[in-house]
């Protein structure tokens, strides 16, 4: 069941990155919410609430006994992300999914990422009565985080290459 512990740390790592970069660039995230036509009184709650919820998911997934509430919050966030993709359909809007660390618009990639996290969340939810990280050594913990960062770096590299290819096609 080591893979389940890795999944917990993978989600925790990526949600921590997402949260931190949203906090760093709250203005850009606020702009995205305005472009999604979120009602004005709700924008401050979303601007602070989404990164806070991501941070709570991240920390809670590292503490085995809090994974159930983290899973519920993860699913709520994923539903809200899906709703955002729906709201953005037909428009060219920056998603700010990972703050300014990646420049991507809402679209198929966003949907794919939501589906991947949903499947990973389901795997954890189905196996929630097991403490996955309790058996991890410090070395396994660190290797899992470094691997998660590597997967994320590969994803970012693929996105940059894809955007480069798209811009090259448009200029020809």
Protein backbone atom coordinates (compact mmCIF):
# COMPACT_ATOMS: atom_id res chain seq x y z
CA UNK A 1 0.00 0.00 0.00
CA UNK A 2 3.02 2.26 -0.34
CA UNK A 3 1.56 3.69 -3.55
CA UNK A 4 -1.35 5.11 -1.54
CA UNK A 5 1.08 6.99 0.69
CA UNK A 6 2.79 8.30 -2.42
CA UNK A 7 -0.58 9.49 -3.75
CA UNK A 8 -1.22 11.34 -0.48
CA UNK A 9 2.15 13.07 -0.70
CA UNK A 10 1.71 13.78 -4.41
CA UNK A 11 -1.61 15.53 -3.81
CA UNK A 12 -0.21 17.31 -0.75
CA UNK A 13 2.82 18.56 -2.67
CA UNK A 14 0.89 19.83 -5.68
CA UNK A 15 -1.82 21.46 -3.61
CA UNK A 16 0.84 23.15 -1.48
CA UNK A 17 2.51 24.53 -4.62
CA UNK A 18 -0.84 25.67 -5.98
CA UNK A 19 -1.79 27.32 -2.71
CA UNK A 20 1.53 29.12 -2.26
CA UNK A 21 1.60 30.50 -5.79
CA UNK A 22 -1.99 31.69 -5.50
CA UNK A 23 -1.06 33.49 -2.24
CA UNK A 24 1.94 35.08 -3.96
CA UNK A 25 -0.23 36.35 -6.82
CA UNK A 26 -3.60 37.07 -5.23
CA UNK A 27 -4.20 39.89 -7.70
CA UNK A 28 -4.01 37.56 -10.70
CA UNK A 29 -6.24 35.04 -8.98
CA UNK A 30 -8.74 37.82 -8.20
CA UNK A 31 -8.69 38.80 -11.90
CA UNK A 32 -9.47 35.21 -12.89
CA UNK A 33 -12.43 35.16 -10.51
CA UNK A 34 -13.72 38.44 -11.96
CA UNK A 35 -13.36 37.06 -15.50
CA UNK A 36 -15.36 34.00 -14.42
CA UNK A 37 -18.09 36.47 -13.43
CA UNK A 38 -18.14 35.37 -9.80
CA UNK A 39 -20.57 37.67 -7.93
CA UNK A 40 -18.59 40.59 -6.50
CA UNK A 41 -19.43 39.89 -2.82
CA UNK A 42 -18.11 36.30 -3.16
CA UNK A 43 -14.78 37.18 -4.79
CA UNK A 44 -12.90 37.89 -1.52
CA UNK A 45 -14.09 34.55 -0.11
CA UNK A 46 -12.88 32.74 -3.22
CA UNK A 47 -9.60 34.63 -3.47
CA UNK A 48 -8.65 33.73 0.10
CA UNK A 49 -10.77 30.60 0.54
CA UNK A 50 -9.48 28.55 -2.41
CA UNK A 51 -5.76 28.85 -1.54
CA UNK A 52 -6.58 28.32 2.14
CA UNK A 53 -8.60 25.19 1.31
CA UNK A 54 -5.72 23.92 -0.87
CA UNK A 55 -3.32 24.52 2.00
CA UNK A 56 -5.62 22.64 4.41
CA UNK A 57 -5.85 19.71 1.97
CA UNK A 58 -2.07 19.69 1.63
CA UNK A 59 -1.36 19.67 5.36
CA UNK A 60 -4.20 17.27 6.16
CA UNK A 61 -3.01 14.69 3.65
CA UNK A 62 0.35 14.54 5.42
CA UNK A 63 -1.34 13.73 8.74
CA UNK A 64 -2.91 10.29 8.23
CA UNK A 65 -5.74 10.73 10.72
CA UNK A 66 -7.04 13.81 8.85
CA UNK A 67 -7.20 12.29 5.39
CA UNK A 68 -10.98 11.78 5.42
CA UNK A 69 -11.80 15.48 5.88
CA UNK A 70 -9.00 16.27 3.40
CA UNK A 71 -10.58 13.95 0.85
CA UNK A 72 -13.96 15.64 1.27
CA UNK A 73 -12.37 19.07 0.88
CA UNK A 74 -10.39 17.80 -2.13
CA UNK A 75 -13.61 16.67 -3.81
CA UNK A 76 -15.28 20.02 -3.03
CA UNK A 77 -12.32 21.87 -4.56
CA UNK A 78 -12.33 19.63 -7.63
CA UNK A 79 -16.05 20.26 -8.12
CA UNK A 80 -15.46 24.01 -7.85
CA UNK A 81 -12.56 23.73 -10.34
CA UNK A 82 -14.85 21.82 -12.72
CA UNK A 83 -17.48 24.50 -12.31
CA UNK A 84 -14.83 27.12 -13.15
CA UNK A 85 -13.94 25.26 -16.35
CA UNK A 86 -17.63 25.20 -17.23
CA UNK A 87 -17.91 28.96 -16.56
CA UNK A 88 -14.85 29.63 -18.74
CA UNK A 89 -16.01 27.60 -21.74
CA UNK A 90 -15.72 29.49 -25.00
CA UNK A 91 -13.49 32.16 -23.44
CA UNK A 92 -9.72 32.48 -23.37
CA UNK A 93 -9.17 32.87 -19.63
CA UNK A 94 -6.01 32.21 -17.63
CA UNK A 95 -6.87 29.56 -15.05
CA UNK A 96 -4.17 30.51 -12.51
CA UNK A 97 -4.41 26.91 -11.35
CA UNK A 98 -0.84 27.09 -10.12
CA UNK A 99 -0.64 30.85 -9.82
CA UNK A 100 1.96 32.44 -12.05
CA UNK A 101 4.17 29.34 -12.17
CA UNK A 102 2.32 28.22 -15.31
CA UNK A 103 0.42 30.18 -17.91
CA UNK A 104 -2.46 28.08 -19.02
CA UNK A 105 -6.01 28.74 -20.02
CA UNK A 106 -9.02 26.81 -18.84
CA UNK A 107 -9.57 23.89 -21.17
CA UNK A 108 -8.94 20.22 -21.81
CA UNK A 109 -5.72 20.19 -19.80
CA UNK A 110 -7.54 21.60 -16.79
CA UNK A 111 -10.28 19.00 -17.15
CA UNK A 112 -7.68 16.24 -17.47
CA UNK A 113 -5.92 17.41 -14.32
CA UNK A 114 -9.22 17.51 -12.42
CA UNK A 115 -10.03 13.96 -13.56
CA UNK A 116 -6.58 12.69 -12.49
CA UNK A 117 -6.92 14.23 -9.04
CA UNK A 118 -10.48 12.92 -8.75
CA UNK A 119 -9.33 9.37 -9.55
CA UNK A 120 -6.46 9.66 -7.06
CA UNK A 121 -8.90 10.99 -4.46
CA UNK A 122 -11.25 8.06 -5.09
CA UNK A 123 -8.36 5.61 -4.60
CA UNK A 124 -7.58 7.19 -1.24
CA UNK A 125 -11.25 7.40 -0.27
CA UNK A 126 -11.84 3.70 -0.97
CA UNK A 127 -8.78 2.80 1.13
CA UNK A 128 -9.27 5.45 3.82
CA UNK A 129 -9.19 3.13 6.82
CA UNK A 130 -5.50 2.45 6.32
CA UNK A 131 -2.79 4.79 7.60
CA UNK A 132 -0.59 4.97 4.53
CA UNK A 133 2.15 7.29 5.78
CA UNK A 134 2.55 5.61 9.16
CA UNK A 135 4.87 3.04 7.59
CA UNK A 136 6.92 5.61 5.63
CA UNK A 137 10.50 6.20 6.66
CA UNK A 138 11.90 9.71 6.39
CA UNK A 139 13.73 8.58 3.26
CA UNK A 140 10.51 7.29 1.62
CA UNK A 141 8.75 10.52 2.60
CA UNK A 142 11.45 12.70 1.02
CA UNK A 143 11.75 10.54 -2.09
CA UNK A 144 7.98 10.76 -2.58
CA UNK A 145 8.02 14.54 -2.33
CA UNK A 146 11.00 14.85 -4.68
CA UNK A 147 9.33 12.48 -7.14
CA UNK A 148 6.14 14.55 -6.94
CA UNK A 149 8.14 17.69 -7.69
CA UNK A 150 9.78 15.90 -10.62
CA UNK A 151 6.41 14.87 -12.04
CA UNK A 152 5.19 18.44 -11.66
CA UNK A 153 8.34 19.81 -13.36
CA UNK A 154 7.82 17.37 -16.25
CA UNK A 155 4.21 18.53 -16.53
CA UNK A 156 5.29 22.19 -16.62
CA UNK A 157 7.95 21.42 -19.22
CA UNK A 158 5.40 19.60 -21.39
CA UNK A 159 3.02 22.57 -21.09
CA UNK A 160 5.74 25.04 -22.12
CA UNK A 161 6.72 22.88 -25.10
CA UNK A 162 3.08 22.54 -26.13
CA UNK A 163 2.54 26.31 -25.89
CA UNK A 164 5.74 26.89 -27.87
CA UNK A 165 4.55 24.51 -30.56
CA UNK A 166 1.15 26.22 -30.68
CA UNK A 167 2.74 29.68 -31.03
CA UNK A 168 5.08 28.38 -33.76
CA UNK A 169 2.11 26.98 -35.69
CA UNK A 170 0.25 30.32 -35.41
CA UNK A 171 3.21 32.32 -36.74
CA UNK A 172 3.58 30.09 -39.82
